[in-house]
Full PDB file with SEQRES, HELIX, SHEET, SSBOND, CRYST1, ORIGX, SCALE, CONECT and MASTER records, all heavy atoms in Angstrom:
SEQRES   1 A   39  GLY THR ASN CYS TYR VAL ILE VAL ASP LYS GLN ASP GLY          
SEQRES   2 A   39  SER ALA VAL ILE ILE ASP PRO GLY TYR ASN ASP VAL ASN          
SEQRES   3 A   39  PHE ILE LYS THR LEU LYS GLU GLN ASN ILE LYS PRO LYS          
HELIX    1 AA1 VAL A   25  GLU A   33  1                                   9    
SHEET    1 AA1 3 TYR A   5  VAL A   8  0                                        
SHEET    2 AA1 3 SER A  14  ILE A  18 -1                                        
SHEET    3 AA1 3 LYS A  37  PRO A  38  1                                        
CRYST1    1.000    1.000    1.000  90.00  90.00  90.00 P 1           1          
ORIGX1      1.000000  0.000000  0.000000        0.00000                         
ORIGX2      0.000000  1.000000  0.000000        0.00000                         
ORIGX3      0.000000  0.000000  1.000000        0.00000                         
SCALE1      1.000000  0.000000  0.000000        0.00000                         
SCALE2      0.000000  1.000000  0.000000        0.00000                         
SCALE3      0.000000  0.000000  1.000000        0.00000                         
ATOM      1  N   GLY A   1     -54.443   4.287  75.392  1.00  0.00           N  
ATOM      2  CA  GLY A   1     -53.961   3.343  76.394  1.00  0.00           C  
ATOM      3  C   GLY A   1     -52.665   2.658  76.017  1.00  0.00           C  
ATOM      4  O   GLY A   1     -52.495   1.450  76.202  1.00  0.00           O  
ATOM      5  N   THR A   2     -51.715   3.438  75.525  1.00  0.00           N  
ATOM      6  CA  THR A   2     -50.429   2.878  75.108  1.00  0.00           C  
ATOM      7  C   THR A   2     -49.643   2.390  76.317  1.00  0.00           C  
ATOM      8  O   THR A   2     -49.532   3.085  77.325  1.00  0.00           O  
ATOM      9  CB  THR A   2     -49.607   3.933  74.363  1.00  0.00           C  
ATOM     10  OG1 THR A   2     -50.354   4.410  73.245  1.00  0.00           O  
ATOM     11  CG2 THR A   2     -48.295   3.341  73.872  1.00  0.00           C  
ATOM     12  N   ASN A   3     -49.093   1.211  76.214  1.00  0.00           N  
ATOM     13  CA  ASN A   3     -48.274   0.667  77.291  1.00  0.00           C  
ATOM     14  C   ASN A   3     -46.897   1.328  77.285  1.00  0.00           C  
ATOM     15  O   ASN A   3     -46.159   1.230  76.308  1.00  0.00           O  
ATOM     16  CB  ASN A   3     -48.098  -0.842  77.137  1.00  0.00           C  
ATOM     17  CG  ASN A   3     -49.387  -1.601  77.376  1.00  0.00           C  
ATOM     18  OD1 ASN A   3     -50.273  -1.150  78.097  1.00  0.00           O  
ATOM     19  ND2 ASN A   3     -49.505  -2.767  76.763  1.00  0.00           N  
ATOM     20  N   CYS A   4     -46.587   1.978  78.379  1.00  0.00           N  
ATOM     21  CA  CYS A   4     -45.258   2.523  78.606  1.00  0.00           C  
ATOM     22  C   CYS A   4     -44.597   1.660  79.665  1.00  0.00           C  
ATOM     23  O   CYS A   4     -45.168   1.431  80.738  1.00  0.00           O  
ATOM     24  CB  CYS A   4     -45.360   3.974  79.070  1.00  0.00           C  
ATOM     25  SG  CYS A   4     -43.796   4.683  79.635  1.00  0.00           S  
ATOM     26  N   TYR A   5     -43.410   1.178  79.379  1.00  0.00           N  
ATOM     27  CA  TYR A   5     -42.696   0.307  80.314  1.00  0.00           C  
ATOM     28  C   TYR A   5     -41.491   1.035  80.894  1.00  0.00           C  
ATOM     29  O   TYR A   5     -40.770   1.729  80.172  1.00  0.00           O  
ATOM     30  CB  TYR A   5     -42.239  -0.966  79.606  1.00  0.00           C  
ATOM     31  CG  TYR A   5     -43.377  -1.780  79.048  1.00  0.00           C  
ATOM     32  CD1 TYR A   5     -43.674  -1.741  77.688  1.00  0.00           C  
ATOM     33  CD2 TYR A   5     -44.162  -2.577  79.870  1.00  0.00           C  
ATOM     34  CE1 TYR A   5     -44.734  -2.485  77.163  1.00  0.00           C  
ATOM     35  CE2 TYR A   5     -45.218  -3.327  79.359  1.00  0.00           C  
ATOM     36  CZ  TYR A   5     -45.495  -3.270  78.007  1.00  0.00           C  
ATOM     37  OH  TYR A   5     -46.544  -4.001  77.496  1.00  0.00           O  
ATOM     38  N   VAL A   6     -41.291   0.846  82.194  1.00  0.00           N  
ATOM     39  CA  VAL A   6     -40.146   1.429  82.877  1.00  0.00           C  
ATOM     40  C   VAL A   6     -39.394   0.303  83.581  1.00  0.00           C  
ATOM     41  O   VAL A   6     -39.946  -0.372  84.453  1.00  0.00           O  
ATOM     42  CB  VAL A   6     -40.581   2.499  83.896  1.00  0.00           C  
ATOM     43  CG1 VAL A   6     -39.352   3.150  84.534  1.00  0.00           C  
ATOM     44  CG2 VAL A   6     -41.463   3.556  83.229  1.00  0.00           C  
ATOM     45  N   ILE A   7     -38.158   0.076  83.168  1.00  0.00           N  
ATOM     46  CA  ILE A   7     -37.318  -0.960  83.772  1.00  0.00           C  
ATOM     47  C   ILE A   7     -36.414  -0.275  84.784  1.00  0.00           C  
ATOM     48  O   ILE A   7     -35.597   0.574  84.421  1.00  0.00           O  
ATOM     49  CB  ILE A   7     -36.486  -1.705  82.702  1.00  0.00           C  
ATOM     50  CG1 ILE A   7     -37.419  -2.386  81.699  1.00  0.00           C  
ATOM     51  CG2 ILE A   7     -35.581  -2.737  83.357  1.00  0.00           C  
ATOM     52  CD1 ILE A   7     -37.776  -1.551  80.498  1.00  0.00           C  
ATOM     53  N   VAL A   8     -36.559  -0.641  86.039  1.00  0.00           N  
ATOM     54  CA  VAL A   8     -35.927   0.080  87.141  1.00  0.00           C  
ATOM     55  C   VAL A   8     -34.891  -0.785  87.841  1.00  0.00           C  
ATOM     56  O   VAL A   8     -35.172  -1.937  88.215  1.00  0.00           O  
ATOM     57  CB  VAL A   8     -36.981   0.536  88.175  1.00  0.00           C  
ATOM     58  CG1 VAL A   8     -36.337   1.415  89.237  1.00  0.00           C  
ATOM     59  CG2 VAL A   8     -38.141   1.266  87.495  1.00  0.00           C  
ATOM     60  N   ASP A   9     -33.717  -0.228  88.032  1.00  0.00           N  
ATOM     61  CA  ASP A   9     -32.693  -0.869  88.853  1.00  0.00           C  
ATOM     62  C   ASP A   9     -33.111  -0.737  90.317  1.00  0.00           C  
ATOM     63  O   ASP A   9     -33.259   0.370  90.829  1.00  0.00           O  
ATOM     64  CB  ASP A   9     -31.341  -0.203  88.621  1.00  0.00           C  
ATOM     65  CG  ASP A   9     -30.212  -0.903  89.345  1.00  0.00           C  
ATOM     66  OD1 ASP A   9     -30.314  -1.094  90.573  1.00  0.00           O  
ATOM     67  OD2 ASP A   9     -29.201  -1.234  88.700  1.00  0.00           O  
ATOM     68  N   LYS A  10     -33.321  -1.855  90.988  1.00  0.00           N  
ATOM     69  CA  LYS A  10     -33.808  -1.834  92.368  1.00  0.00           C  
ATOM     70  C   LYS A  10     -32.828  -1.177  93.325  1.00  0.00           C  
ATOM     71  O   LYS A  10     -33.233  -0.643  94.361  1.00  0.00           O  
ATOM     72  CB  LYS A  10     -34.101  -3.261  92.844  1.00  0.00           C  
ATOM     73  CG  LYS A  10     -35.272  -3.932  92.151  1.00  0.00           C  
ATOM     74  CD  LYS A  10     -35.479  -5.333  92.709  1.00  0.00           C  
ATOM     75  CE  LYS A  10     -36.647  -6.039  92.045  1.00  0.00           C  
ATOM     76  NZ  LYS A  10     -36.832  -7.414  92.575  1.00  0.00           N  
ATOM     77  N   GLN A  11     -31.552  -1.221  92.988  1.00  0.00           N  
ATOM     78  CA  GLN A  11     -30.546  -0.714  93.913  1.00  0.00           C  
ATOM     79  C   GLN A  11     -30.489   0.810  93.945  1.00  0.00           C  
ATOM     80  O   GLN A  11     -30.451   1.409  95.027  1.00  0.00           O  
ATOM     81  CB  GLN A  11     -29.173  -1.278  93.547  1.00  0.00           C  
ATOM     82  CG  GLN A  11     -28.084  -0.908  94.542  1.00  0.00           C  
ATOM     83  CD  GLN A  11     -26.788  -1.639  94.260  1.00  0.00           C  
ATOM     84  OE1 GLN A  11     -26.658  -2.357  93.286  1.00  0.00           O  
ATOM     85  NE2 GLN A  11     -25.805  -1.450  95.129  1.00  0.00           N  
ATOM     86  N   ASP A  12     -30.485   1.447  92.784  1.00  0.00           N  
ATOM     87  CA  ASP A  12     -30.297   2.904  92.784  1.00  0.00           C  
ATOM     88  C   ASP A  12     -31.435   3.682  92.109  1.00  0.00           C  
ATOM     89  O   ASP A  12     -31.398   4.912  92.060  1.00  0.00           O  
ATOM     90  CB  ASP A  12     -28.968   3.284  92.137  1.00  0.00           C  
ATOM     91  CG  ASP A  12     -28.869   2.882  90.668  1.00  0.00           C  
ATOM     92  OD1 ASP A  12     -29.902   2.481  90.085  1.00  0.00           O  
ATOM     93  OD2 ASP A  12     -27.768   2.979  90.107  1.00  0.00           O  
ATOM     94  N   GLY A  13     -32.443   2.972  91.601  1.00  0.00           N  
ATOM     95  CA  GLY A  13     -33.597   3.654  91.018  1.00  0.00           C  
ATOM     96  C   GLY A  13     -33.397   4.146  89.596  1.00  0.00           C  
ATOM     97  O   GLY A  13     -34.326   4.733  89.012  1.00  0.00           O  
ATOM     98  N   SER A  14     -32.217   3.956  89.014  1.00  0.00           N  
ATOM     99  CA  SER A  14     -32.011   4.371  87.628  1.00  0.00           C  
ATOM    100  C   SER A  14     -32.892   3.518  86.722  1.00  0.00           C  
ATOM    101  O   SER A  14     -33.197   2.361  87.034  1.00  0.00           O  
ATOM    102  CB  SER A  14     -30.540   4.247  87.231  1.00  0.00           C  
ATOM    103  OG  SER A  14     -30.092   2.914  87.380  1.00  0.00           O  
ATOM    104  N   ALA A  15     -33.320   4.105  85.595  1.00  0.00           N  
ATOM    105  CA  ALA A  15     -34.347   3.417  84.815  1.00  0.00           C  
ATOM    106  C   ALA A  15     -34.253   3.716  83.327  1.00  0.00           C  
ATOM    107  O   ALA A  15     -33.698   4.732  82.894  1.00  0.00           O  
ATOM    108  CB  ALA A  15     -35.731   3.810  85.334  1.00  0.00           C  
ATOM    109  N   VAL A  16     -34.849   2.809  82.559  1.00  0.00           N  
ATOM    110  CA  VAL A  16     -35.041   2.967  81.121  1.00  0.00           C  
ATOM    111  C   VAL A  16     -36.542   3.058  80.867  1.00  0.00           C  
ATOM    112  O   VAL A  16     -37.321   2.242  81.377  1.00  0.00           O  
ATOM    113  CB  VAL A  16     -34.462   1.772  80.337  1.00  0.00           C  
ATOM    114  CG1 VAL A  16     -34.791   1.883  78.855  1.00  0.00           C  
ATOM    115  CG2 VAL A  16     -32.961   1.680  80.547  1.00  0.00           C  
ATOM    116  N   ILE A  17     -36.947   4.052  80.086  1.00  0.00           N  
ATOM    117  CA  ILE A  17     -38.355   4.192  79.717  1.00  0.00           C  
ATOM    118  C   ILE A  17     -38.531   3.752  78.269  1.00  0.00           C  
ATOM    119  O   ILE A  17     -37.789   4.181  77.386  1.00  0.00           O  
ATOM    120  CB  ILE A  17     -38.832   5.653  79.861  1.00  0.00           C  
ATOM    121  CG1 ILE A  17     -38.727   6.104  81.320  1.00  0.00           C  
ATOM    122  CG2 ILE A  17     -40.265   5.797  79.364  1.00  0.00           C  
ATOM    123  CD1 ILE A  17     -39.105   7.564  81.530  1.00  0.00           C  
ATOM    124  N   ILE A  18     -39.512   2.898  78.039  1.00  0.00           N  
ATOM    125  CA  ILE A  18     -39.832   2.461  76.688  1.00  0.00           C  
ATOM    126  C   ILE A  18     -41.198   3.019  76.295  1.00  0.00           C  
ATOM    127  O   ILE A  18     -42.199   2.763  76.954  1.00  0.00           O  
ATOM    128  CB  ILE A  18     -39.840   0.922  76.582  1.00  0.00           C  
ATOM    129  CG1 ILE A  18     -38.449   0.360  76.903  1.00  0.00           C  
ATOM    130  CG2 ILE A  18     -40.277   0.482  75.183  1.00  0.00           C  
ATOM    131  CD1 ILE A  18     -38.375  -1.154  76.890  1.00  0.00           C  
ATOM    132  N   ASP A  19     -41.235   3.815  75.248  1.00  0.00           N  
ATOM    133  CA  ASP A  19     -42.457   4.366  74.659  1.00  0.00           C  
ATOM    134  C   ASP A  19     -43.292   5.227  75.616  1.00  0.00           C  
ATOM    135  O   ASP A  19     -44.405   4.860  75.988  1.00  0.00           O  
ATOM    136  CB  ASP A  19     -43.327   3.243  74.090  1.00  0.00           C  
ATOM    137  CG  ASP A  19     -42.737   2.598  72.855  1.00  0.00           C  
ATOM    138  OD1 ASP A  19     -41.731   3.113  72.341  1.00  0.00           O  
ATOM    139  OD2 ASP A  19     -43.283   1.579  72.401  1.00  0.00           O  
ATOM    140  N   PRO A  20     -42.786   6.401  75.997  1.00  0.00           N  
ATOM    141  CA  PRO A  20     -43.590   7.328  76.795  1.00  0.00           C  
ATOM    142  C   PRO A  20     -44.619   8.028  75.890  1.00  0.00           C  
ATOM    143  O   PRO A  20     -44.353   9.060  75.303  1.00  0.00           O  
ATOM    144  CB  PRO A  20     -42.556   8.319  77.327  1.00  0.00           C  
ATOM    145  CG  PRO A  20     -41.490   8.342  76.261  1.00  0.00           C  
ATOM    146  CD  PRO A  20     -41.453   6.938  75.694  1.00  0.00           C  
ATOM    147  N   GLY A  21     -45.796   7.450  75.796  1.00  0.00           N  
ATOM    148  CA  GLY A  21     -46.727   7.833  74.753  1.00  0.00           C  
ATOM    149  C   GLY A  21     -47.560   9.078  74.981  1.00  0.00           C  
ATOM    150  O   GLY A  21     -48.244   9.535  74.068  1.00  0.00           O  
ATOM    151  N   TYR A  22     -47.507   9.636  76.192  1.00  0.00           N  
ATOM    152  CA  TYR A  22     -48.412  10.754  76.468  1.00  0.00           C  
ATOM    153  C   TYR A  22     -47.850  11.597  77.604  1.00  0.00           C  
ATOM    154  O   TYR A  22     -47.202  11.078  78.514  1.00  0.00           O  
ATOM    155  CB  TYR A  22     -49.794  10.210  76.855  1.00  0.00           C  
ATOM    156  CG  TYR A  22     -50.894  11.232  76.891  1.00  0.00           C  
ATOM    157  CD1 TYR A  22     -51.373  11.822  75.725  1.00  0.00           C  
ATOM    158  CD2 TYR A  22     -51.475  11.603  78.100  1.00  0.00           C  
ATOM    159  CE1 TYR A  22     -52.407  12.762  75.760  1.00  0.00           C  
ATOM    160  CE2 TYR A  22     -52.511  12.534  78.149  1.00  0.00           C  
ATOM    161  CZ  TYR A  22     -52.967  13.107  76.972  1.00  0.00           C  
ATOM    162  OH  TYR A  22     -53.987  14.033  77.006  1.00  0.00           O  
ATOM    163  N   ASN A  23     -48.124  12.894  77.527  1.00  0.00           N  
ATOM    164  CA  ASN A  23     -47.709  13.824  78.580  1.00  0.00           C  
ATOM    165  C   ASN A  23     -48.663  13.691  79.758  1.00  0.00           C  
ATOM    166  O   ASN A  23     -49.638  14.425  79.883  1.00  0.00           O  
ATOM    167  CB  ASN A  23     -47.713  15.252  78.033  1.00  0.00           C  
ATOM    168  CG  ASN A  23     -47.227  16.269  79.057  1.00  0.00           C  
ATOM    169  OD1 ASN A  23     -46.823  15.915  80.161  1.00  0.00           O  
ATOM    170  ND2 ASN A  23     -47.276  17.531  78.696  1.00  0.00           N  
ATOM    171  N   ASP A  24     -48.395  12.727  80.607  1.00  0.00           N  
ATOM    172  CA  ASP A  24     -49.294  12.357  81.694  1.00  0.00           C  
ATOM    173  C   ASP A  24     -48.730  12.835  83.033  1.00  0.00           C  
ATOM    174  O   ASP A  24     -47.669  12.382  83.474  1.00  0.00           O  
ATOM    175  CB  ASP A  24     -49.478  10.839  81.707  1.00  0.00           C  
ATOM    176  CG  ASP A  24     -50.546  10.378  82.671  1.00  0.00           C  
ATOM    177  OD1 ASP A  24     -50.344  10.529  83.885  1.00  0.00           O  
ATOM    178  OD2 ASP A  24     -51.580   9.866  82.207  1.00  0.00           O  
ATOM    179  N   VAL A  25     -49.444  13.735  83.679  1.00  0.00           N  
ATOM    180  CA  VAL A  25     -48.986  14.321  84.943  1.00  0.00           C  
ATOM    181  C   VAL A  25     -48.829  13.252  86.019  1.00  0.00           C  
ATOM    182  O   VAL A  25     -47.858  13.251  86.782  1.00  0.00           O  
ATOM    183  CB  VAL A  25     -49.964  15.420  85.415  1.00  0.00           C  
ATOM    184  CG1 VAL A  25     -49.557  15.924  86.791  1.00  0.00           C  
ATOM    185  CG2 VAL A  25     -50.001  16.561  84.415  1.00  0.00           C  
ATOM    186  N   ASN A  26     -49.766  12.323  86.083  1.00  0.00           N  
ATOM    187  CA  ASN A  26     -49.708  11.280  87.109  1.00  0.00           C  
ATOM    188  C   ASN A  26     -48.530  10.342  86.892  1.00  0.00           C  
ATOM    189  O   ASN A  26     -47.947   9.834  87.859  1.00  0.00           O  
ATOM    190  CB  ASN A  26     -51.015  10.486  87.124  1.00  0.00           C  
ATOM    191  CG  ASN A  26     -52.174  11.295  87.662  1.00  0.00           C  
ATOM    192  OD1 ASN A  26     -52.006  12.145  88.539  1.00  0.00           O  
ATOM    193  ND2 ASN A  26     -53.360  11.043  87.135  1.00  0.00           N  
ATOM    194  N   PHE A  27     -48.182  10.114  85.642  1.00  0.00           N  
ATOM    195  CA  PHE A  27     -47.024   9.287  85.325  1.00  0.00           C  
ATOM    196  C   PHE A  27     -45.752   9.929  85.867  1.00  0.00           C  
ATOM    197  O   PHE A  27     -44.953   9.280  86.566  1.00  0.00           O  
ATOM    198  CB  PHE A  27     -46.931   9.090  83.811  1.00  0.00           C  
ATOM    199  CG  PHE A  27     -45.665   8.435  83.323  1.00  0.00           C  
ATOM    200  CD1 PHE A  27     -45.235   7.230  83.851  1.00  0.00           C  
ATOM    201  CD2 PHE A  27     -44.913   9.018  82.311  1.00  0.00           C  
ATOM    202  CE1 PHE A  27     -44.071   6.628  83.389  1.00  0.00           C  
ATOM    203  CE2 PHE A  27     -43.763   8.424  81.843  1.00  0.00           C  
ATOM    204  CZ  PHE A  27     -43.337   7.227  82.380  1.00  0.00           C  
ATOM    205  N   ILE A  28     -45.565  11.199  85.578  1.00  0.00           N  
ATOM    206  CA  ILE A  28     -44.382  11.923  86.056  1.00  0.00           C  
ATOM    207  C   ILE A  28     -44.373  11.971  87.585  1.00  0.00           C  
ATOM    208  O   ILE A  28     -43.326  11.776  88.220  1.00  0.00           O  
ATOM    209  CB  ILE A  28     -44.350  13.345  85.482  1.00  0.00           C  
ATOM    210  CG1 ILE A  28     -44.383  13.314  83.950  1.00  0.00           C  
ATOM    211  CG2 ILE A  28     -43.116  14.083  85.969  1.00  0.00           C  
ATOM    212  CD1 ILE A  28     -43.267  12.555  83.313  1.00  0.00           C  
ATOM    213  N   LYS A  29     -45.534  12.182  88.171  1.00  0.00           N  
ATOM    214  CA  LYS A  29     -45.644  12.243  89.625  1.00  0.00           C  
ATOM    215  C   LYS A  29     -45.238  10.916  90.258  1.00  0.00           C  
ATOM    216  O   LYS A  29     -44.524  10.882  91.259  1.00  0.00           O  
ATOM    217  CB  LYS A  29     -47.074  12.601  90.019  1.00  0.00           C  
ATOM    218  CG  LYS A  29     -47.307  12.693  91.514  1.00  0.00           C  
ATOM    219  CD  LYS A  29     -48.761  13.040  91.817  1.00  0.00           C  
ATOM    220  CE  LYS A  29     -49.010  13.099  93.322  1.00  0.00           C  
ATOM    221  NZ  LYS A  29     -50.432  13.396  93.628  1.00  0.00           N  
ATOM    222  N   THR A  30     -45.677   9.813  89.651  1.00  0.00           N  
ATOM    223  CA  THR A  30     -45.350   8.488  90.177  1.00  0.00           C  
ATOM    224  C   THR A  30     -43.857   8.219  90.118  1.00  0.00           C  
ATOM    225  O   THR A  30     -43.271   7.657  91.054  1.00  0.00           O  
ATOM    226  CB  THR A  30     -46.111   7.402  89.402  1.00  0.00           C  
ATOM    227  OG1 THR A  30     -47.519   7.610  89.551  1.00  0.00           O  
ATOM    228  CG2 THR A  30     -45.763   6.010  89.920  1.00  0.00           C  
ATOM    229  N   LEU A  31     -43.224   8.598  89.026  1.00  0.00           N  
ATOM    230  CA  LEU A  31     -41.778   8.422  88.909  1.00  0.00           C  
ATOM    231  C   LEU A  31     -41.050   9.140  90.047  1.00  0.00           C  
ATOM    232  O   LEU A  31     -40.125   8.594  90.665  1.00  0.00           O  
ATOM    233  CB  LEU A  31     -41.280   8.935  87.562  1.00  0.00           C  
ATOM    234  CG  LEU A  31     -41.755   8.210  86.298  1.00  0.00           C  
ATOM    235  CD1 LEU A  31     -41.125   8.847  85.063  1.00  0.00           C  
ATOM    236  CD2 LEU A  31     -41.427   6.729  86.350  1.00  0.00           C  
ATOM    237  N   LYS A  32     -41.490  10.360  90.328  1.00  0.00           N  
ATOM    238  CA  LYS A  32     -40.851  11.143  91.397  1.00  0.00           C  
ATOM    239  C   LYS A  32     -41.127  10.537  92.764  1.00  0.00           C  
ATOM    240  O   LYS A  32     -40.219  10.448  93.599  1.00  0.00           O  
ATOM    241  CB  LYS A  32     -41.345  12.583  91.329  1.00  0.00           C  
ATOM    242  CG  LYS A  32     -40.860  13.338  90.099  1.00  0.00           C  
ATOM    243  CD  LYS A  32     -41.363  14.774  90.100  1.00  0.00           C  
ATOM    244  CE  LYS A  32     -40.850  15.531  88.874  1.00  0.00           C  
ATOM    245  NZ  LYS A  32     -41.352  16.936  88.843  1.00  0.00           N  
ATOM    246  N   GLU A  33     -42.352  10.126  92.998  1.00  0.00           N  
ATOM    247  CA  GLU A  33     -42.717   9.558  94.300  1.00  0.00           C  
ATOM    248  C   GLU A  33     -41.958   8.267  94.579  1.00  0.00           C  
ATOM    249  O   GLU A  33     -41.625   7.972  95.738  1.00  0.00           O  
ATOM    250  CB  GLU A  33     -44.218   9.306  94.352  1.00  0.00           C  
ATOM    251  CG  GLU A  33     -45.053  10.581  94.429  1.00  0.00           C  
ATOM    252  CD  GLU A  33     -46.537  10.301  94.407  1.00  0.00           C  
ATOM    253  OE1 GLU A  33     -46.938   9.163  94.066  1.00  0.00           O  
ATOM    254  OE2 GLU A  33     -47.314  11.217  94.733  1.00  0.00           O  
ATOM    255  N   GLN A  34     -41.692   7.485  93.533  1.00  0.00           N  
ATOM    256  CA  GLN A  34     -40.983   6.224  93.712  1.00  0.00           C  
ATOM    257  C   GLN A  34     -39.466   6.381  93.561  1.00  0.00           C  
ATOM    258  O   GLN A  34     -38.735   5.392  93.569  1.00  0.00           O  
ATOM    259  CB  GLN A  34     -41.503   5.186  92.709  1.00  0.00           C  
ATOM    260  CG  GLN A  34     -42.960   4.815  92.922  1.00  0.00           C  
ATOM    261  CD  GLN A  34     -43.400   3.672  92.026  1.00  0.00           C  
ATOM    262  OE1 GLN A  34     -42.588   2.987  91.399  1.00  0.00           O  
ATOM    263  NE2 GLN A  34     -44.692   3.439  91.964  1.00  0.00           N  
ATOM    264  N   ASN A  35     -39.034   7.635  93.427  1.00  0.00           N  
ATOM    265  CA  ASN A  35     -37.604   7.939  93.297  1.00  0.00           C  
ATOM    266  C   ASN A  35     -36.963   7.205  92.127  1.00  0.00           C  
ATOM    267  O   ASN A  35     -35.836   6.717  92.201  1.00  0.00           O  
ATOM    268  CB  ASN A  35     -36.861   7.601  94.603  1.00  0.00           C  
ATOM    269  CG  ASN A  35     -35.530   8.318  94.709  1.00  0.00           C  
ATOM    270  OD1 ASN A  35     -35.352   9.422  94.170  1.00  0.00           O  
ATOM    271  ND2 ASN A  35     -34.578   7.704  95.383  1.00  0.00           N  
ATOM    272  N   ILE A  36     -37.739   7.131  91.030  1.00  0.00           N  
ATOM    273  CA  ILE A  36     -37.239   6.521  89.802  1.00  0.00           C  
ATOM    274  C   ILE A  36     -36.511   7.589  88.996  1.00  0.00           C  
ATOM    275  O   ILE A  36     -37.035   8.675  88.774  1.00  0.00           O  
ATOM    276  CB  ILE A  36     -38.393   5.914  88.982  1.00  0.00           C  
ATOM    277  CG1 ILE A  36     -39.019   4.749  89.760  1.00  0.00           C  
ATOM    278  CG2 ILE A  36     -37.902   5.447  87.615  1.00  0.00           C  
ATOM    279  CD1 ILE A  36     -40.269   4.183  89.119  1.00  0.00           C  
ATOM    280  N   LYS A  37     -35.312   7.262  88.551  1.00  0.00           N  
ATOM    281  CA  LYS A  37     -34.461   8.225  87.851  1.00  0.00           C  
ATOM    282  C   LYS A  37     -34.228   7.761  86.403  1.00  0.00           C  
ATOM    283  O   LYS A  37     -33.298   6.996  86.133  1.00  0.00           O  
ATOM    284  CB  LYS A  37     -33.128   8.363  88.573  1.00  0.00           C  
ATOM    285  CG  LYS A  37     -33.244   8.647  90.077  1.00  0.00           C  
ATOM    286  CD  LYS A  37     -31.874   8.677  90.720  1.00  0.00           C  
ATOM    287  CE  LYS A  37     -31.950   8.800  92.225  1.00  0.00           C  
ATOM    288  NZ  LYS A  37     -32.530   7.562  92.858  1.00  0.00           N  
ATOM    289  N   PRO A  38     -35.053   8.207  85.470  1.00  0.00           N  
ATOM    290  CA  PRO A  38     -34.884   7.802  84.065  1.00  0.00           C  
ATOM    291  C   PRO A  38     -33.539   8.264  83.505  1.00  0.00           C  
ATOM    292  O   PRO A  38     -33.106   9.392  83.728  1.00  0.00           O  
ATOM    293  CB  PRO A  38     -36.039   8.509  83.348  1.00  0.00           C  
ATOM    294  CG  PRO A  38     -37.034   8.811  84.420  1.00  0.00           C  
ATOM    295  CD  PRO A  38     -36.223   9.085  85.646  1.00  0.00           C  
ATOM    296  N   LYS A  39     -32.883   7.365  82.779  1.00  0.00           N  
ATOM    297  CA  LYS A  39     -31.580   7.670  82.185  1.00  0.00           C  
ATOM    298  C   LYS A  39     -31.616   7.702  80.662  1.00  0.00           C  
ATOM    299  O   LYS A  39     -30.747   8.308  80.033  1.00  0.00           O  
ATOM    300  CB  LYS A  39     -30.553   6.620  82.640  1.00  0.00           C  
ATOM    301  CG  LYS A  39     -30.341   6.568  84.150  1.00  0.00           C  
ATOM    302  CD  LYS A  39     -29.838   7.898  84.687  1.00  0.00           C  
ATOM    303  CE  LYS A  39     -29.598   7.819  86.198  1.00  0.00           C  
ATOM    304  NZ  LYS A  39     -29.150   9.128  86.746  1.00  0.00           N  
TER     305      LYS A  39                                                      
MASTER        0    0    0    1    3    0    0    6  304    1    0    3          
END                                                                             
C-alpha cells in the first residue's frame, strides 16, 4: 500500500509522479482517463 503521489497542473494536465511503487494497471488507466500527462 505504498502512497504514490501525482501533482497535476490543472491547466494542461502535465504532472509529476512521486514514488510509483507498483506496476498497477488501474493506476495507468486512471492517468489516461483523467488525461494526466506525466513529465
